[in-house]
Protein backbone atom coordinates (compact mmCIF):
# COMPACT_ATOMS: atom_id res chain seq x y z
CA UNK A 1 -12.52 4.18 2.19
CA UNK A 2 -10.83 0.98 3.39
CA UNK A 3 -11.93 1.58 6.99
CA UNK A 4 -15.46 2.34 5.85
CA UNK A 5 -15.59 -0.72 3.61
CA UNK A 6 -14.16 -2.97 6.34
CA UNK A 7 -16.64 -1.56 8.87
CA UNK A 8 -13.91 -0.33 11.23
CA UNK A 9 -12.82 3.02 12.60
CA UNK A 10 -9.76 4.92 11.43
CA UNK A 11 -8.20 4.16 14.83
CA UNK A 12 -8.75 0.44 14.28
CA UNK A 13 -7.21 0.74 10.80
CA UNK A 14 -4.18 2.53 12.28
CA UNK A 15 -3.81 -0.26 14.83
CA UNK A 16 -4.14 -2.94 12.12
CA UNK A 17 -1.24 -1.47 10.10
CA UNK A 18 0.91 -0.71 13.15
CA UNK A 19 0.62 3.07 12.94
CA UNK A 20 0.43 5.33 15.95
CA UNK A 21 -2.96 6.68 16.90
CA UNK A 22 -3.72 9.74 14.80
CA UNK A 23 -1.34 9.04 11.92
CA UNK A 24 -4.15 8.50 9.43
CA UNK A 25 -6.82 10.63 11.09
CA UNK A 26 -4.54 13.71 11.15
CA UNK A 27 -3.66 13.22 7.47
CA UNK A 28 -7.35 12.94 6.60
CA UNK A 29 -8.25 15.96 8.69
CA UNK A 30 -5.42 18.10 7.28
CA UNK A 31 -5.69 16.61 3.76
CA UNK A 32 -1.98 15.75 3.79
CA UNK A 33 -0.04 12.76 2.51
CA UNK A 34 0.98 9.82 4.67
CA UNK A 35 4.35 8.12 4.71
CA UNK A 36 4.88 5.41 2.13
CA UNK A 37 5.51 2.84 4.86
CA UNK A 38 1.85 3.18 5.89
CA UNK A 39 0.74 2.71 2.28
CA UNK A 40 2.90 -0.42 2.08
CA UNK A 41 1.37 -1.62 5.36
CA UNK A 42 -2.12 -1.12 3.91
CA UNK A 43 -1.14 -3.11 0.82
CA UNK A 44 0.25 -5.92 2.95
CA UNK A 45 -2.60 -6.04 5.47
CA UNK A 46 -5.41 -5.76 2.93
CA UNK A 47 -4.43 -8.08 0.06
CA UNK A 48 -7.92 -8.06 -1.48
CA UNK A 49 -7.54 -4.38 -2.33
CA UNK A 50 -5.83 -3.35 -5.54
CA UNK A 51 -2.30 -2.09 -4.66
CA UNK A 52 -2.44 0.46 -7.51
CA UNK A 53 -5.62 1.85 -6.02
CA UNK A 54 -4.06 2.08 -2.54
CA UNK A 55 -0.77 3.59 -3.73
CA UNK A 56 -1.87 5.85 -6.55
CA UNK A 57 -5.67 5.93 -6.52
CA UNK A 58 -5.76 4.28 -9.95
CA UNK A 59 -7.80 1.34 -11.12
CA UNK A 60 -10.53 -0.55 -9.31
CA UNK A 61 -10.62 -0.63 -5.51
CA UNK A 62 -10.56 -4.42 -5.38
CA UNK A 63 -8.58 -7.06 -7.17
CA UNK A 64 -10.78 -8.99 -9.53
CA UNK A 65 -11.26 -12.66 -8.92
CA UNK A 66 -10.30 -14.80 -11.88
CA UNK A 67 -11.13 -18.49 -12.46
CA UNK A 68 -7.55 -19.29 -11.43
CA UNK A 69 -8.35 -17.96 -7.96
CA UNK A 70 -11.08 -20.54 -7.44
CA UNK A 71 -10.04 -23.92 -6.08
CA UNK A 72 -12.10 -27.02 -6.82
CA UNK A 73 -10.45 -28.89 -3.94
CA UNK A 74 -12.55 -29.43 -0.81
CA UNK A 75 -11.99 -26.61 1.67
CA UNK A 76 -11.28 -28.91 4.59
CA UNK A 77 -8.34 -30.68 2.93
CA UNK A 78 -4.78 -29.81 3.90
CA UNK A 79 -3.85 -29.49 0.22
CA UNK A 80 -6.49 -26.80 -0.22
CA UNK A 81 -5.25 -24.98 2.88
CA UNK A 82 -1.67 -25.04 1.59
CA UNK A 83 -2.75 -23.80 -1.84
CA UNK A 84 -4.74 -21.04 -0.20
CA UNK A 85 -1.73 -19.97 1.87
CA UNK A 86 0.46 -20.01 -1.23
CA UNK A 87 -2.09 -17.88 -3.08
CA UNK A 88 -2.20 -15.36 -0.24
CA UNK A 89 1.59 -15.21 -0.10
CA UNK A 90 1.86 -14.80 -3.88
CA UNK A 91 -0.66 -11.94 -3.72
CA UNK A 92 1.33 -10.29 -0.95
CA UNK A 93 4.53 -10.66 -2.95
CA UNK A 94 2.86 -9.07 -5.97
CA UNK A 95 1.49 -6.25 -3.82
CA UNK A 96 4.89 -5.64 -2.25
CA UNK A 97 6.52 -5.61 -5.69
CA UNK A 98 4.05 -2.94 -6.80
CA UNK A 99 4.70 -0.97 -3.61
CA UNK A 100 8.44 -1.30 -4.22
CA UNK A 101 8.07 0.08 -7.75
CA UNK A 102 6.06 3.02 -6.42
CA UNK A 103 8.75 3.67 -3.82
CA UNK A 104 11.45 3.55 -6.52
CA UNK A 105 9.55 6.19 -8.50
CA UNK A 106 9.16 8.30 -5.38
CA UNK A 107 12.87 7.91 -4.62
CA UNK A 108 13.82 9.07 -8.14
CA UNK A 109 11.60 12.13 -7.74
CA UNK A 110 13.18 12.92 -4.38
CA UNK A 111 16.67 12.60 -5.89
CA UNK A 112 15.73 15.08 -8.63
CA UNK A 113 14.36 17.47 -6.02
CA UNK A 114 17.55 17.12 -3.97
CA UNK A 115 19.71 17.99 -6.98
CA UNK A 116 17.50 20.99 -7.77
CA UNK A 117 17.69 22.24 -4.17
CA UNK A 118 21.46 21.71 -4.01
CA UNK A 119 21.89 23.75 -7.21
CA UNK A 120 19.58 26.46 -5.89
CA UNK A 121 21.54 26.65 -2.61
CA UNK A 122 24.78 26.83 -4.56
CA UNK A 123 23.37 29.62 -6.74
CA UNK A 124 22.19 31.55 -3.71
CA UNK A 125 25.53 31.16 -1.94
CA UNK A 126 27.27 32.47 -5.07
CA UNK A 127 25.19 35.68 -5.13
C-alpha cells in the first residue's frame, strides 16, 4: 500500500529501505512475513505514515496533522528550516520508539517460544 500510495514500484520501495531486490515482492507473493528490520526501515523512511499501521496494521495509515505541526514562520527563514528538521527528527524518534516497543514484544514472544521448544525437546529426549 505504501508503494502504491507513493506511486513507486515494490522494487523502488525495496531500494528506498535498503532491502535486497525481491525481499518485499517475495513476501507479498508468498503471503509471508518480512523481517522486523524492514518494518523499522519503512517506519524510518516514511515518517508521514503511522508506525502502528506499518508495524501492526492498526490505526489510520497516516499520521494526523495537528495545529502544532503547522509553523507560522516564513518557509524561507533558517529558523523555520531548523524547526522543520527538528520536527522531522522528533517524528523519527517517536517512530523508532514505537518500532522498538514492537520489537520488545516480539522478543518476549520468541523467548516464550524458545522455552516451550526447549521443554518439548527435553520431554522428547526423556521418552
